[in-house]
PDB file of N, CA and C in Angstrom:
ATOM      1  N   MET A   1     -23.307  18.755 -16.564  1.00  0.00           N
ATOM      2  CA  MET A   1     -22.194  17.882 -15.110  1.00  0.00           C
ATOM      3  C   MET A   1     -21.406  16.985 -15.260  1.00  0.00           C
ATOM      4  N   ARG A   2     -20.180  17.513 -15.001  1.00  0.00           N
ATOM      5  CA  ARG A   2     -18.701  16.782 -14.997  1.00  0.00           C
ATOM      6  C   ARG A   2     -18.955  15.456 -14.339  1.00  0.00           C
ATOM      7  N   ASN A   3     -18.621  14.002 -15.017  1.00  0.00           N
ATOM      8  CA  ASN A   3     -18.736  12.795 -13.467  1.00  0.00           C
ATOM      9  C   ASN A   3     -16.608  12.724 -13.004  1.00  0.00           C
ATOM     10  N   LYS A   4     -17.087  13.816 -11.523  1.00  0.00           N
ATOM     11  CA  LYS A   4     -15.564  13.324 -10.963  1.00  0.00           C
ATOM     12  C   LYS A   4     -14.597  12.159 -10.731  1.00  0.00           C
ATOM     13  N   VAL A   5     -14.266  11.900 -10.938  1.00  0.00           N
ATOM     14  CA  VAL A   5     -12.778  11.129 -11.302  1.00  0.00           C
ATOM     15  C   VAL A   5     -12.618  10.390  -9.172  1.00  0.00           C
ATOM     16  N   LYS A   6     -12.995   9.400  -8.918  1.00  0.00           N
ATOM     17  CA  LYS A   6     -12.655   9.711  -7.815  1.00  0.00           C
ATOM     18  C   LYS A   6     -11.056   9.198  -7.174  1.00  0.00           C
ATOM     19  N   MET A   7     -10.208   9.599  -7.116  1.00  0.00           N
ATOM     20  CA  MET A   7      -8.606   9.250  -6.751  1.00  0.00           C
ATOM     21  C   MET A   7      -9.073   7.963  -5.345  1.00  0.00           C
ATOM     22  N   ILE A   8      -7.949   7.309  -6.421  1.00  0.00           N
ATOM     23  CA  ILE A   8      -7.445   6.412  -5.242  1.00  0.00           C
ATOM     24  C   ILE A   8      -6.528   6.052  -3.988  1.00  0.00           C
ATOM     25  N   ARG A   9      -7.242   5.892  -2.960  1.00  0.00           N
ATOM     26  CA  ARG A   9      -6.411   6.152  -2.133  1.00  0.00           C
ATOM     27  C   ARG A   9      -6.404   5.244  -0.793  1.00  0.00           C
ATOM     28  N   VAL A  10      -4.918   4.860   0.264  1.00  0.00           N
ATOM     29  CA  VAL A  10      -4.785   4.058   0.898  1.00  0.00           C
ATOM     30  C   VAL A  10      -5.759   4.776   2.385  1.00  0.00           C
ATOM     31  N   THR A  11      -6.481   3.854   3.023  1.00  0.00           N
ATOM     32  CA  THR A  11      -7.655   3.612   3.898  1.00  0.00           C
ATOM     33  C   THR A  11      -6.933   2.975   5.713  1.00  0.00           C
ATOM     34  N   ASP A  12      -6.056   1.983   4.427  1.00  0.00           N
ATOM     35  CA  ASP A  12      -5.233   1.149   6.044  1.00  0.00           C
ATOM     36  C   ASP A  12      -4.759   0.241   5.520  1.00  0.00           C
ATOM     37  N   VAL A  13      -3.691   0.035   6.280  1.00  0.00           N
ATOM     38  CA  VAL A  13      -2.756  -1.074   6.142  1.00  0.00           C
ATOM     39  C   VAL A  13      -1.742  -1.967   6.977  1.00  0.00           C
ATOM     40  N   GLU A  14      -1.800  -3.170   6.939  1.00  0.00           N
ATOM     41  CA  GLU A  14      -1.395  -3.939   8.140  1.00  0.00           C
ATOM     42  C   GLU A  14      -0.328  -5.198   7.050  1.00  0.00           C
ATOM     43  N   PRO A  15       1.018  -4.868   7.905  1.00  0.00           N
ATOM     44  CA  PRO A  15       2.054  -6.213   7.396  1.00  0.00           C
ATOM     45  C   PRO A  15       1.311  -7.578   8.300  1.00  0.00           C
ATOM     46  N   VAL A  16       0.722  -8.066   6.890  1.00  0.00           N
ATOM     47  CA  VAL A  16       1.278  -9.331   7.055  1.00  0.00           C
ATOM     48  C   VAL A  16       2.103 -10.653   7.540  1.00  0.00           C
ATOM     49  N   ASP A  17       2.796 -10.504   6.397  1.00  0.00           N
ATOM     50  CA  ASP A  17       4.020 -11.743   6.985  1.00  0.00           C
ATOM     51  C   ASP A  17       5.231 -10.976   5.742  1.00  0.00           C
ATOM     52  N   GLY A  18       6.015 -11.331   6.224  1.00  0.00           N
ATOM     53  CA  GLY A  18       7.462 -10.974   4.946  1.00  0.00           C
ATOM     54  C   GLY A  18       7.077 -10.008   4.756  1.00  0.00           C
ATOM     55  N   PHE A  19       7.237  -9.495   3.331  1.00  0.00           N
ATOM     56  CA  PHE A  19       7.011  -7.781   2.590  1.00  0.00           C
ATOM     57  C   PHE A  19       5.446  -7.971   2.245  1.00  0.00           C
ATOM     58  N   VAL A  20       4.599  -8.437   2.833  1.00  0.00           N
ATOM     59  CA  VAL A  20       2.990  -8.382   2.389  1.00  0.00           C
ATOM     60  C   VAL A  20       2.095  -7.834   2.916  1.00  0.00           C
ATOM     61  N   LEU A  21       1.779  -6.766   2.247  1.00  0.00           N
ATOM     62  CA  LEU A  21       0.881  -5.800   2.769  1.00  0.00           C
ATOM     63  C   LEU A  21      -0.531  -6.320   2.966  1.00  0.00           C
ATOM     64  N   ARG A  22      -1.520  -5.962   3.477  1.00  0.00           N
ATOM     65  CA  ARG A  22      -2.816  -5.697   3.422  1.00  0.00           C
ATOM     66  C   ARG A  22      -3.677  -4.766   3.257  1.00  0.00           C
ATOM     67  N   LEU A  23      -4.414  -4.149   1.975  1.00  0.00           N
ATOM     68  CA  LEU A  23      -4.000  -2.731   1.819  1.00  0.00           C
ATOM     69  C   LEU A  23      -5.551  -2.651   1.903  1.00  0.00           C
ATOM     70  N   ARG A  24      -6.377  -1.723   2.573  1.00  0.00           N
ATOM     71  CA  ARG A  24      -8.173  -1.101   2.246  1.00  0.00           C
ATOM     72  C   ARG A  24      -7.809   0.037   1.177  1.00  0.00           C
ATOM     73  N   PHE A  25      -8.488   0.592   0.504  1.00  0.00           N
ATOM     74  CA  PHE A  25      -8.339   2.050  -0.429  1.00  0.00           C
ATOM     75  C   PHE A  25     -10.036   2.131   0.276  1.00  0.00           C
ATOM     76  N   ASN A  26      -9.629   3.354  -0.375  1.00  0.00           N
ATOM     77  CA  ASN A  26     -11.238   4.082  -0.220  1.00  0.00           C
ATOM     78  C   ASN A  26     -12.342   3.211  -1.229  1.00  0.00           C
ATOM     79  N   ASP A  27     -12.127   3.009  -2.294  1.00  0.00           N
ATOM     80  CA  ASP A  27     -12.714   2.440  -3.352  1.00  0.00           C
ATOM     81  C   ASP A  27     -13.652   1.093  -2.528  1.00  0.00           C
ATOM     82  N   ARG A  28     -13.231   0.381  -1.020  1.00  0.00           N
ATOM     83  CA  ARG A  28     -13.713   0.013  -0.707  1.00  0.00           C
ATOM     84  C   ARG A  28     -12.814  -1.748  -1.015  1.00  0.00           C
ATOM     85  N   THR A  29     -12.156  -1.763  -1.903  1.00  0.00           N
ATOM     86  CA  THR A  29     -11.600  -3.150  -2.392  1.00  0.00           C
ATOM     87  C   THR A  29     -10.193  -3.045  -0.975  1.00  0.00           C
ATOM     88  N   GLU A  30     -10.205  -4.524  -0.605  1.00  0.00           N
ATOM     89  CA  GLU A  30      -9.012  -5.092   0.156  1.00  0.00           C
ATOM     90  C   GLU A  30      -8.117  -5.695  -0.864  1.00  0.00           C
ATOM     91  N   ARG A  31      -6.994  -5.433  -0.664  1.00  0.00           N
ATOM     92  CA  ARG A  31      -5.916  -6.188  -1.712  1.00  0.00           C
ATOM     93  C   ARG A  31      -4.224  -6.649  -1.015  1.00  0.00           C
ATOM     94  N   VAL A  32      -3.896  -7.263  -1.338  1.00  0.00           N
ATOM     95  CA  VAL A  32      -2.530  -7.925  -0.768  1.00  0.00           C
ATOM     96  C   VAL A  32      -1.438  -7.508  -1.693  1.00  0.00           C
ATOM     97  N   VAL A  33      -0.862  -7.392  -0.909  1.00  0.00           N
ATOM     98  CA  VAL A  33       0.236  -7.225  -1.898  1.00  0.00           C
ATOM     99  C   VAL A  33       1.934  -7.365  -1.510  1.00  0.00           C
ATOM    100  N   ASP A  34       2.177  -8.410  -2.122  1.00  0.00           N
ATOM    101  CA  ASP A  34       3.485  -8.713  -2.196  1.00  0.00           C
ATOM    102  C   ASP A  34       4.702  -8.033  -2.977  1.00  0.00           C
ATOM    103  N   LEU A  35       5.250  -6.910  -1.992  1.00  0.00           N
ATOM    104  CA  LEU A  35       6.813  -5.878  -2.220  1.00  0.00           C
ATOM    105  C   LEU A  35       8.139  -6.606  -2.562  1.00  0.00           C
ATOM    106  N   GLU A  36       8.611  -7.279  -2.403  1.00  0.00           N
ATOM    107  CA  GLU A  36       9.716  -8.030  -2.072  1.00  0.00           C
ATOM    108  C   GLU A  36      10.341  -7.744  -3.038  1.00  0.00           C
ATOM    109  N   GLU A  37       9.896  -8.146  -4.159  1.00  0.00           N
ATOM    110  CA  GLU A  37      10.588  -8.091  -5.734  1.00  0.00           C
ATOM    111  C   GLU A  37      10.507  -6.171  -6.157  1.00  0.00           C
ATOM    112  N   GLU A  38       9.462  -5.990  -5.343  1.00  0.00           N
ATOM    113  CA  GLU A  38       9.514  -3.708  -5.744  1.00  0.00           C
ATOM    114  C   GLU A  38      11.049  -3.247  -4.607  1.00  0.00           C
ATOM    115  N   LEU A  39      11.130  -3.489  -3.621  1.00  0.00           N
ATOM    116  CA  LEU A  39      12.640  -2.728  -2.540  1.00  0.00           C
ATOM    117  C   LEU A  39      13.958  -3.540  -3.045  1.00  0.00           C
ATOM    118  N   TRP A  40      13.855  -2.994  -3.975  1.00  0.00           N
ATOM    119  CA  TRP A  40      15.669  -2.711  -3.851  1.00  0.00           C
ATOM    120  C   TRP A  40      15.489  -1.125  -4.370  1.00  0.00           C
ATOM    121  N   GLY A  41      17.095  -0.431  -5.066  1.00  0.00           N
ATOM    122  CA  GLY A  41      17.258   1.113  -5.157  1.00  0.00           C
ATOM    123  C   GLY A  41      18.113   2.019  -3.446  1.00  0.00           C
ATOM    124  N   PRO A  42      18.171   2.784  -3.159  1.00  0.00           N
ATOM    125  CA  PRO A  42      18.278   3.715  -2.367  1.00  0.00           C
ATOM    126  C   PRO A  42      17.634   3.809  -1.282  1.00  0.00           C
ATOM    127  N   VAL A  43      16.702   4.570  -1.760  1.00  0.00           N
ATOM    128  CA  VAL A  43      15.472   4.175  -0.508  1.00  0.00           C
ATOM    129  C   VAL A  43      14.451   2.861  -0.333  1.00  0.00           C
ATOM    130  N   PHE A  44      14.602   1.800  -0.881  1.00  0.00           N
ATOM    131  CA  PHE A  44      13.428   0.638  -0.663  1.00  0.00           C
ATOM    132  C   PHE A  44      14.541  -0.156  -0.336  1.00  0.00           C
ATOM    133  N   ALA A  45      15.762  -0.438  -0.628  1.00  0.00           N
ATOM    134  CA  ALA A  45      16.479  -1.888   0.230  1.00  0.00           C
ATOM    135  C   ALA A  45      16.978  -1.815   1.580  1.00  0.00           C
ATOM    136  N   PRO A  46      17.008  -0.103   2.017  1.00  0.00           N
ATOM    137  CA  PRO A  46      16.383  -0.777   3.975  1.00  0.00           C
ATOM    138  C   PRO A  46      15.531  -1.602   4.771  1.00  0.00           C
ATOM    139  N   LEU A  47      14.528  -1.504   3.267  1.00  0.00           N
ATOM    140  CA  LEU A  47      13.163  -1.603   3.585  1.00  0.00           C
ATOM    141  C   LEU A  47      13.309  -3.444   4.215  1.00  0.00           C
ATOM    142  N   LYS A  48      13.825  -4.060   2.615  1.00  0.00           N
ATOM    143  CA  LYS A  48      14.063  -5.696   2.714  1.00  0.00           C
ATOM    144  C   LYS A  48      14.759  -6.284   4.063  1.00  0.00           C
ATOM    145  N   GLU A  49      16.355  -5.046   3.586  1.00  0.00           N
ATOM    146  CA  GLU A  49      17.270  -5.680   4.749  1.00  0.00           C
ATOM    147  C   GLU A  49      17.192  -5.256   6.207  1.00  0.00           C
ATOM    148  N   ASP A  50      15.743  -4.583   6.327  1.00  0.00           N
ATOM    149  CA  ASP A  50      15.479  -4.569   8.033  1.00  0.00           C
ATOM    150  C   ASP A  50      13.663  -4.454   7.940  1.00  0.00           C
ATOM    151  N   PRO A  51      13.230  -5.896   8.513  1.00  0.00           N
ATOM    152  CA  PRO A  51      12.224  -6.406   8.435  1.00  0.00           C
ATOM    153  C   PRO A  51      11.131  -5.531   9.494  1.00  0.00           C
ATOM    154  N   GLU A  52      11.889  -5.518  10.395  1.00  0.00           N
ATOM    155  CA  GLU A  52      11.412  -4.280  11.765  1.00  0.00           C
ATOM    156  C   GLU A  52      10.827  -2.984  10.690  1.00  0.00           C
ATOM    157  N   LEU A  53      12.154  -2.303   9.963  1.00  0.00           N
ATOM    158  CA  LEU A  53      11.523  -0.958   9.326  1.00  0.00           C
ATOM    159  C   LEU A  53       9.933  -1.055   8.799  1.00  0.00           C
ATOM    160  N   PHE A  54      10.599  -2.452   7.433  1.00  0.00           N
ATOM    161  CA  PHE A  54       9.028  -2.190   6.567  1.00  0.00           C
ATOM    162  C   PHE A  54       8.087  -2.965   7.223  1.00  0.00           C
ATOM    163  N   ARG A  55       7.802  -3.134   8.389  1.00  0.00           N
ATOM    164  CA  ARG A  55       6.508  -3.453   9.419  1.00  0.00           C
ATOM    165  C   ARG A  55       6.380  -1.921  10.055  1.00  0.00           C
ATOM    166  N   ALA A  56       6.985  -1.242  10.063  1.00  0.00           N
ATOM    167  CA  ALA A  56       6.414  -0.021  10.425  1.00  0.00           C
ATOM    168  C   ALA A  56       5.855   1.075   9.573  1.00  0.00           C
ATOM    169  N   VAL A  57       5.577   0.555   8.153  1.00  0.00           N
ATOM    170  CA  VAL A  57       4.771   1.207   7.303  1.00  0.00           C
ATOM    171  C   VAL A  57       3.649   1.701   8.081  1.00  0.00           C
ATOM    172  N   ARG A  58       3.082   3.185   7.335  1.00  0.00           N
ATOM    173  CA  ARG A  58       1.865   3.712   7.808  1.00  0.00           C
ATOM    174  C   ARG A  58       1.235   4.674   6.765  1.00  0.00           C
ATOM    175  N   ILE A  59       0.108   5.090   6.964  1.00  0.00           N
ATOM    176  CA  ILE A  59      -1.045   5.879   6.325  1.00  0.00           C
ATOM    177  C   ILE A  59      -0.039   7.099   6.380  1.00  0.00           C
ATOM    178  N   GLU A  60       0.197   7.578   5.211  1.00  0.00           N
ATOM    179  CA  GLU A  60       0.633   9.181   5.066  1.00  0.00           C
ATOM    180  C   GLU A  60       0.070   9.889   3.610  1.00  0.00           C
ATOM    181  N   GLY A  61      -0.377  10.695   4.059  1.00  0.00           N
ATOM    182  CA  GLY A  61      -1.514  11.840   2.594  1.00  0.00           C
ATOM    183  C   GLY A  61      -2.570  10.167   2.281  1.00  0.00           C
ATOM    184  N   GLU A  62      -2.356  10.559   1.110  1.00  0.00           N
ATOM    185  CA  GLU A  62      -3.312   9.308   0.401  1.00  0.00           C
ATOM    186  C   GLU A  62      -2.888   7.743   0.327  1.00  0.00           C
ATOM    187  N   SER A  63      -1.257   7.161   0.543  1.00  0.00           N
ATOM    188  CA  SER A  63      -0.945   6.070   0.789  1.00  0.00           C
ATOM    189  C   SER A  63      -0.261   5.742   1.857  1.00  0.00           C
ATOM    190  N   ILE A  64       0.576   4.721   1.248  1.00  0.00           N
ATOM    191  CA  ILE A  64       1.634   4.837   2.353  1.00  0.00           C
ATOM    192  C   ILE A  64       3.255   4.715   2.365  1.00  0.00           C
ATOM    193  N   ALA A  65       3.885   5.080   3.932  1.00  0.00           N
ATOM    194  CA  ALA A  65       5.282   5.224   3.703  1.00  0.00           C
ATOM    195  C   ALA A  65       5.710   5.051   5.111  1.00  0.00           C
ATOM    196  N   TRP A  66       7.051   4.698   4.827  1.00  0.00           N
ATOM    197  CA  TRP A  66       8.056   4.425   6.140  1.00  0.00           C
ATOM    198  C   TRP A  66       8.467   5.725   6.515  1.00  0.00           C
ATOM    199  N   PRO A  67       9.395   5.492   7.785  1.00  0.00           N
ATOM    200  CA  PRO A  67      10.583   6.574   8.064  1.00  0.00           C
ATOM    201  C   PRO A  67      10.878   7.024   7.824  1.00  0.00           C
ATOM    202  N   ASN A  68      11.982   5.917   6.779  1.00  0.00           N
ATOM    203  CA  ASN A  68      13.464   6.514   6.135  1.00  0.00           C
ATOM    204  C   ASN A  68      12.613   6.916   4.914  1.00  0.00           C
ATOM    205  N   GLY A  69      11.141   7.421   5.011  1.00  0.00           N
ATOM    206  CA  GLY A  69      10.916   8.557   3.290  1.00  0.00           C
ATOM    207  C   GLY A  69      10.521   8.014   2.071  1.00  0.00           C
ATOM    208  N   ALA A  70      10.576   6.350   2.182  1.00  0.00           N
ATOM    209  CA  ALA A  70      10.104   5.770   1.328  1.00  0.00           C
ATOM    210  C   ALA A  70       8.583   5.523   1.020  1.00  0.00           C
ATOM    211  N   ASP A  71       7.807   5.807  -0.166  1.00  0.00           N
ATOM    212  CA  ASP A  71       6.951   5.667  -0.035  1.00  0.00           C
ATOM    213  C   ASP A  71       6.765   5.292  -1.879  1.00  0.00           C
ATOM    214  N   LEU A  72       5.166   4.413  -1.694  1.00  0.00           N
ATOM    215  CA  LEU A  72       4.831   4.384  -2.907  1.00  0.00           C
ATOM    216  C   LEU A  72       3.304   5.013  -3.492  1.00  0.00           C
ATOM    217  N   ALA A  73       2.927   4.968  -4.704  1.00  0.00           N
ATOM    218  CA  ALA A  73       2.302   6.044  -4.934  1.00  0.00           C
ATOM    219  C   ALA A  73       0.691   4.500  -4.530  1.00  0.00           C
ATOM    220  N   PRO A  74      -0.766   5.298  -4.293  1.00  0.00           N
ATOM    221  CA  PRO A  74      -2.025   4.369  -4.501  1.00  0.00           C
ATOM    222  C   PRO A  74      -2.602   3.459  -5.032  1.00  0.00           C
ATOM    223  N   GLU A  75      -2.353   3.990  -6.762  1.00  0.00           N
ATOM    224  CA  GLU A  75      -2.526   3.980  -7.865  1.00  0.00           C
ATOM    225  C   GLU A  75      -1.457   2.266  -8.269  1.00  0.00           C
ATOM    226  N   PHE A  76      -0.368   2.778  -8.017  1.00  0.00           N
ATOM    227  CA  PHE A  76       0.771   1.125  -8.133  1.00  0.00           C
ATOM    228  C   PHE A  76       0.395  -0.191  -7.291  1.00  0.00           C
ATOM    229  N   LEU A  77      -0.146   0.300  -5.780  1.00  0.00           N
ATOM    230  CA  LEU A  77      -0.273  -0.534  -4.988  1.00  0.00           C
ATOM    231  C   LEU A  77      -2.504  -1.292  -5.280  1.00  0.00           C
ATOM    232  N   HIS A  78      -2.776  -0.330  -5.724  1.00  0.00           N
ATOM    233  CA  HIS A  78      -3.808  -0.682  -5.958  1.00  0.00           C
ATOM    234  C   HIS A  78      -3.965  -1.868  -7.303  1.00  0.00           C
ATOM    235  N   SER A  79      -3.063  -1.454  -8.379  1.00  0.00           N
ATOM    236  CA  SER A  79      -3.037  -2.525  -8.882  1.00  0.00           C
ATOM    237  C   SER A  79      -2.480  -3.573  -8.895  1.00  0.00           C
ATOM    238  N   ALA A  80      -1.253  -3.625  -8.314  1.00  0.00           N
ATOM    239  CA  ALA A  80      -0.332  -4.370  -7.929  1.00  0.00           C
ATOM    240  C   ALA A  80      -0.703  -5.297  -6.959  1.00  0.00           C
ATOM    241  N   GLY A  81      -2.085  -5.241  -6.325  1.00  0.00           N
ATOM    242  CA  GLY A  81      -2.373  -6.182  -5.093  1.00  0.00           C
ATOM    243  C   GLY A  81      -3.500  -7.314  -5.678  1.00  0.00           C
ATOM    244  N   ARG A  82      -3.441  -8.246  -5.166  1.00  0.00           N
ATOM    245  CA  ARG A  82      -4.127  -9.109  -5.603  1.00  0.00           C
ATOM    246  C   ARG A  82      -6.089  -8.793  -4.876  1.00  0.00           C
ATOM    247  N   GLN A  83      -6.763  -8.826  -5.472  1.00  0.00           N
ATOM    248  CA  GLN A  83      -8.240  -8.338  -4.451  1.00  0.00           C
ATOM    249  C   GLN A  83      -8.546  -9.308  -3.798  1.00  0.00           C
ATOM    250  N   VAL A  84      -8.904  -9.160  -2.633  1.00  0.00           N
ATOM    251  CA  VAL A  84      -9.613 -10.532  -1.186  1.00  0.00           C
ATOM    252  C   VAL A  84     -10.990  -9.759  -0.897  1.00  0.00           C
ATOM    253  N   TYR A  85     -10.877  -8.495  -0.849  1.00  0.00           N
ATOM    254  CA  TYR A  85     -12.049  -8.500  -0.705  1.00  0.00           C
ATOM    255  C   TYR A  85     -12.782  -6.982  -1.225  1.00  0.00           C
ATOM    256  N   ARG A  86     -14.326  -6.771  -1.542  1.00  0.00           N
ATOM    257  CA  ARG A  86     -14.810  -5.561  -2.133  1.00  0.00           C
ATOM    258  C   ARG A  86     -16.134  -5.522  -0.790  1.00  0.00           C
ATOM    259  N   SER A  87     -16.670  -4.582  -0.313  1.00  0.00           N
ATOM    260  CA  SER A  87     -17.782  -4.063  -0.059  1.00  0.00           C
ATOM    261  C   SER A  87     -18.989  -4.064  -0.698  1.00  0.00           C
ATOM    262  N   ARG A  88     -20.442  -4.165  -0.406  1.00  0.00           N
ATOM    263  CA  ARG A  88     -21.037  -3.380  -0.792  1.00  0.00           C
ATOM    264  C   ARG A  88     -21.365  -2.101  -0.549  1.00  0.00           C
ATOM    265  N   PRO A  89     -22.380  -1.111  -1.352  1.00  0.00           N
ATOM    266  CA  PRO A  89     -22.687   0.051  -0.920  1.00  0.00           C
ATOM    267  C   PRO A  89     -23.664  -0.002   0.087  1.00  0.00           C
ATOM    268  N   VAL A  90     -23.597   0.469   1.237  1.00  0.00           N
ATOM    269  CA  VAL A  90     -24.407   0.302   1.965  1.00  0.00           C
ATOM    270  C   VAL A  90     -26.042   1.190   1.738  1.00  0.00           C
TER     271      VAL A  90
END
């Protein structure tokens, strides 16, 4: 029997301060990600120019997205974030 690799997905997102998000993932980790340096180019620059638009982040599919169509891969967010919590299996 093959071992199934569990795909990383974001289960919760919370804007913290500035361009920092607190993210929870399906592997029970919680990470804090500062996206300020990632917000450039035609899709992401509006998020940096308008903090209210940045704070409108939401879960969409397996990751996060903003109303202007910007999104980021869950694997990127998981690797870019600083782990702050990992719950124990029940």
